Amino acid sequence: MKRVLATLVTLSLVAVATAQQAVAIATSSNGGSASANATATGNADSLAIAGATNGGRAVANSDARATGTGYAVSRAVAAADRGLAISNSLADARGLAGGTAVADSESIAATVGGIARSDSAAHADGVYFGHARSRSTSTALSRYGVAVSDSHVTSRGLFGGRAVGNSDAQATTFGGRSTSRTHVVSDARYFASAAANGLGISAGGPCRAAASDVRAESRATHFGRSDSNAVMIRVR
């Protein structure tokens, strides 16, 4: 498993060095099965890496979409050793009418003899000289258990507004069940400023279940300023 992860990290570093491309890499050994799918539309970078060994199954899906002056980058990595790992990442950026938008999404799922599922989505809309920046990170790590992580962030900057959103969901378990879900919304309009940050961490031990559910919302309008931060850590 360590060799698989080391190989995937090396490949991701090499692939990220490229620009405006879709790269999909799948590798398997000892009866493993791996599938990687990457799509990039517009000014976007997409990377999907899947690795499986010892009968494991790994699936990585990465989708990056950019419209107008937007930029999107998406990364999905799945690694499985005698288990099932699924990683889905989506980055969607739309910059229109003088606006700018950046969406960054990263999803990682890894397991040894268990099940790991990671979903990450980042949406950013910058319209009419607005600015929006979104970053989403989701990590699920399982060892003979079930780990599920789900991170979602949406940022909207309209009519000169500036919106920034960050979402992070992490789930890890050893022989138990761990679930982490984070949802973040940042909305700024008419030269206002909004920032929202959410972090959810869950860790489950043998025969135990841990879950974290985080939601952060920040909305501002007409030269206003709004900030919100939410953090939840659950260890069992």
Protein backbone atom coordinates (compact mmCIF):
# COMPACT_ATOMS: atom_id res chain seq x y z
CA MET A 1 0.00 0.00 0.00
CA LYS A 2 2.82 2.40 0.82
CA ARG A 3 4.39 1.76 -2.59
CA VAL A 4 1.08 2.42 -4.33
CA LEU A 5 0.56 5.70 -2.48
CA ALA A 6 4.14 6.80 -3.13
CA THR A 7 3.73 6.09 -6.83
CA LEU A 8 0.44 7.99 -7.02
CA VAL A 9 1.88 11.02 -5.26
CA THR A 10 4.84 11.10 -7.65
CA LEU A 11 2.57 10.86 -10.67
CA SER A 12 0.30 13.62 -9.34
CA LEU A 13 3.24 15.98 -8.89
CA VAL A 14 4.37 15.38 -12.45
CA ALA A 15 0.88 15.81 -13.87
CA VAL A 16 0.09 18.98 -11.93
CA ALA A 17 3.11 20.63 -13.54
CA THR A 18 1.20 20.75 -16.83
CA ALA A 19 -1.39 23.44 -17.60
CA GLN A 20 -4.87 23.39 -19.12
CA GLN A 21 -4.95 19.65 -19.60
CA ALA A 22 -6.92 16.58 -18.62
CA VAL A 23 -4.75 13.74 -17.31
CA ALA A 24 -5.99 10.31 -16.25
CA ILE A 25 -3.68 7.63 -14.86
CA ALA A 26 -4.68 4.14 -13.71
CA THR A 27 -2.36 1.45 -12.38
CA SER A 28 -3.05 -1.97 -10.88
CA SER A 29 -1.23 -5.11 -9.73
CA ASN A 30 -1.87 -8.49 -8.06
CA GLY A 31 -5.45 -8.79 -9.21
CA GLY A 32 -6.39 -5.18 -8.54
CA SER A 33 -8.67 -3.07 -10.74
CA ALA A 34 -8.29 0.67 -11.34
CA SER A 35 -10.26 3.22 -13.35
CA ALA A 36 -9.46 6.92 -13.85
CA ASN A 37 -11.47 9.52 -15.76
CA ALA A 38 -10.55 13.18 -16.23
CA THR A 39 -12.34 15.91 -18.19
CA ALA A 40 -11.43 19.58 -18.62
CA THR A 41 -13.51 22.27 -20.32
CA GLY A 42 -12.26 25.79 -21.02
CA ASN A 43 -9.47 27.28 -18.93
CA ALA A 44 -9.21 24.26 -16.66
CA ASP A 45 -6.90 21.52 -15.39
CA SER A 46 -8.15 18.08 -14.45
CA LEU A 47 -6.23 15.18 -12.92
CA ALA A 48 -7.47 11.70 -12.00
CA ILE A 49 -5.22 8.98 -10.56
CA ALA A 50 -6.31 5.51 -9.47
CA GLY A 51 -4.18 2.68 -8.10
CA ALA A 52 -5.20 -0.76 -6.86
CA THR A 53 -3.43 -3.89 -5.65
CA ASN A 54 -4.15 -7.26 -4.01
CA GLY A 55 -7.65 -7.51 -5.45
CA GLY A 56 -8.61 -3.96 -4.54
CA ARG A 57 -10.78 -1.66 -6.64
CA ALA A 58 -10.01 2.05 -7.17
CA VAL A 59 -12.07 4.59 -9.09
CA ALA A 60 -11.10 8.24 -9.61
CA ASN A 61 -13.24 10.79 -11.46
CA SER A 62 -12.16 14.40 -11.99
CA ASP A 63 -14.14 17.11 -13.79
CA ALA A 64 -13.00 20.72 -14.26
CA ARG A 65 -15.15 23.31 -16.03
CA ALA A 66 -14.43 26.97 -16.70
CA THR A 67 -16.47 29.62 -18.48
CA GLY A 68 -15.37 33.09 -19.57
CA THR A 69 -12.60 34.43 -17.34
CA GLY A 70 -12.98 31.60 -14.84
CA TYR A 71 -10.29 29.06 -13.95
CA ALA A 72 -10.99 25.59 -12.57
CA VAL A 73 -8.65 22.91 -11.26
CA SER A 74 -9.78 19.47 -10.10
CA ARG A 75 -7.81 16.55 -8.64
CA ALA A 76 -9.06 13.08 -7.71
CA VAL A 77 -6.89 10.32 -6.26
CA ALA A 78 -8.04 6.81 -5.26
CA ALA A 79 -5.87 4.01 -3.83
CA ALA A 80 -7.08 0.58 -2.73
CA ASP A 81 -5.34 -2.43 -1.21
CA ARG A 82 -7.84 -5.32 -0.86
CA GLY A 83 -10.70 -2.84 -0.57
CA LEU A 84 -12.75 -0.27 -2.48
CA ALA A 85 -11.78 3.38 -2.94
CA ILE A 86 -13.88 5.92 -4.83
CA SER A 87 -12.83 9.52 -5.38
CA ASN A 88 -14.94 12.15 -7.16
CA SER A 89 -13.87 15.76 -7.70
CA LEU A 90 -15.68 18.63 -9.45
CA ALA A 91 -14.49 22.20 -10.00
CA ASP A 92 -16.80 24.69 -11.75
CA ALA A 93 -15.76 28.33 -12.32
CA ARG A 94 -17.75 30.98 -14.20
CA GLY A 95 -16.36 34.45 -14.77
CA LEU A 96 -18.65 36.68 -16.82
CA ALA A 97 -19.15 40.38 -17.61
CA GLY A 98 -15.86 41.54 -16.13
CA GLY A 99 -15.97 39.15 -13.19
CA THR A 100 -13.33 36.63 -12.13
CA ALA A 101 -13.78 33.17 -10.65
CA VAL A 102 -11.44 30.46 -9.38
CA ALA A 103 -12.57 26.99 -8.30
CA ASP A 104 -10.18 24.43 -6.75
CA SER A 105 -11.34 20.94 -5.78
CA GLU A 106 -9.34 18.03 -4.39
CA SER A 107 -10.55 14.56 -3.42
CA ILE A 108 -8.52 11.69 -1.94
CA ALA A 109 -9.75 8.21 -1.01
CA ALA A 110 -7.50 5.42 0.27
CA THR A 111 -8.23 2.09 1.91
CA VAL A 112 -6.64 -1.15 3.11
CA GLY A 113 -9.24 -3.91 3.20
CA GLY A 114 -12.14 -1.51 3.71
CA ILE A 115 -14.25 1.06 1.90
CA ALA A 116 -13.33 4.70 1.35
CA ARG A 117 -15.41 7.25 -0.55
CA SER A 118 -14.47 10.88 -1.04
CA ASP A 119 -16.53 13.55 -2.84
CA SER A 120 -15.43 17.14 -3.38
CA ALA A 121 -17.11 19.98 -5.27
CA ALA A 122 -16.13 23.63 -5.67
CA HIS A 123 -18.31 26.20 -7.47
CA ALA A 124 -17.35 29.82 -8.07
CA ASP A 125 -19.36 32.53 -9.87
CA GLY A 126 -17.90 35.98 -10.55
CA VAL A 127 -20.31 38.18 -12.50
CA TYR A 128 -20.43 41.92 -13.30
CA PHE A 129 -16.97 42.74 -11.92
CA GLY A 130 -17.45 40.45 -8.98
CA HIS A 131 -14.77 38.08 -7.67
CA ALA A 132 -15.32 34.56 -6.37
CA ARG A 133 -12.84 32.00 -5.09
CA SER A 134 -13.73 28.52 -3.86
CA ARG A 135 -11.58 25.70 -2.50
CA SER A 136 -12.84 22.29 -1.47
CA THR A 137 -10.85 19.42 0.02
CA SER A 138 -12.18 15.97 0.88
CA THR A 139 -10.17 13.08 2.34
CA ALA A 140 -11.37 9.59 3.29
CA LEU A 141 -8.96 7.04 4.79
CA SER A 142 -10.07 3.57 5.84
CA ARG A 143 -8.33 0.55 7.27
CA TYR A 144 -10.70 -2.41 7.51
CA GLY A 145 -13.63 -0.04 7.98
CA VAL A 146 -15.84 2.44 6.15
CA ALA A 147 -14.86 6.09 5.67
CA VAL A 148 -16.99 8.64 3.82
CA SER A 149 -16.12 12.31 3.30
CA ASP A 150 -18.14 14.95 1.43
CA SER A 151 -17.03 18.55 0.92
CA HIS A 152 -18.98 21.19 -1.00
CA VAL A 153 -18.39 24.92 -1.39
CA THR A 154 -20.15 27.63 -3.41
CA SER A 155 -18.93 31.23 -3.75
CA ARG A 156 -20.74 34.01 -5.59
CA GLY A 157 -19.35 37.48 -6.21
CA LEU A 158 -21.84 39.74 -8.02
CA PHE A 159 -21.83 43.41 -8.97
CA GLY A 160 -18.38 44.15 -7.60
CA GLY A 161 -18.72 41.84 -4.61
CA ARG A 162 -15.90 39.64 -3.34
CA ALA A 163 -16.68 36.13 -2.04
CA VAL A 164 -14.26 33.53 -0.70
CA GLY A 165 -15.21 30.05 0.49
CA ASN A 166 -13.16 27.15 1.88
CA SER A 167 -14.49 23.71 2.74
CA ASP A 168 -12.60 20.75 4.18
CA ALA A 169 -13.99 17.33 5.15
CA GLN A 170 -11.80 14.57 6.60
CA ALA A 171 -12.86 11.07 7.63
CA THR A 172 -10.62 8.29 8.92
CA THR A 173 -11.28 4.96 10.58
CA PHE A 174 -9.62 1.74 11.72
CA GLY A 175 -12.15 -1.07 11.80
CA GLY A 176 -15.12 1.24 12.34
CA ARG A 177 -17.21 3.78 10.46
CA SER A 178 -16.43 7.44 9.94
CA THR A 179 -18.44 10.09 8.11
CA SER A 180 -17.60 13.75 7.55
CA ARG A 181 -19.70 16.26 5.62
CA THR A 182 -18.97 19.96 5.13
CA HIS A 183 -21.08 22.51 3.26
CA VAL A 184 -19.96 26.11 2.75
CA VAL A 185 -21.69 29.06 1.06
CA SER A 186 -20.20 32.53 0.51
CA ASP A 187 -22.28 35.24 -1.22
CA ALA A 188 -21.25 38.88 -1.76
CA ARG A 189 -23.09 41.49 -3.83
CA TYR A 190 -22.84 45.21 -4.63
CA PHE A 191 -19.21 45.74 -3.54
CA ALA A 192 -19.64 43.77 -0.34
CA SER A 193 -17.17 41.20 1.04
CA ALA A 194 -18.01 37.71 2.34
CA ALA A 195 -15.82 34.88 3.60
CA ALA A 196 -16.90 31.45 4.84
CA ASN A 197 -14.78 28.57 6.14
CA GLY A 198 -15.88 25.11 7.22
CA LEU A 199 -13.85 22.20 8.61
CA GLY A 200 -15.15 18.79 9.59
CA ILE A 201 -13.02 15.97 11.01
CA SER A 202 -14.21 12.54 12.15
CA ALA A 203 -12.20 9.56 13.37
CA GLY A 204 -13.70 6.20 14.28
CA GLY A 205 -11.98 3.40 16.17
CA PRO A 206 -12.63 -0.37 16.03
CA CYS A 207 -16.37 -1.18 16.02
CA ARG A 208 -17.20 2.50 16.59
CA ALA A 209 -18.95 5.13 14.49
CA ALA A 210 -18.03 8.80 14.28
CA ALA A 211 -19.74 11.53 12.28
CA SER A 212 -19.27 15.24 11.77
CA ASP A 213 -21.64 17.59 9.95
CA VAL A 214 -20.53 21.18 9.35
CA ARG A 215 -22.28 24.07 7.62
CA ALA A 216 -20.95 27.61 7.22
CA GLU A 217 -22.72 30.44 5.39
CA SER A 218 -21.68 34.04 4.87
CA ARG A 219 -23.74 36.62 2.97
CA ALA A 220 -23.11 40.35 2.51
CA THR A 221 -24.54 43.13 0.35
CA HIS A 222 -24.19 46.89 -0.33
CA PHE A 223 -20.62 47.48 0.94
CA GLY A 224 -21.15 45.18 3.92
CA ARG A 225 -18.73 42.63 5.31
CA SER A 226 -19.53 39.16 6.60
CA ASP A 227 -17.36 36.33 7.94
CA SER A 228 -18.30 32.90 9.23
CA ASN A 229 -16.24 29.97 10.49
CA ALA A 230 -17.43 26.54 11.57
CA VAL A 231 -15.36 23.64 12.90
CA MET A 232 -16.39 20.22 14.22
CA ILE A 233 -14.12 17.39 15.36
CA ARG A 234 -15.58 14.01 16.38
CA VAL A 235 -13.34 11.20 17.67
CA ARG A 236 -14.74 7.91 18.94
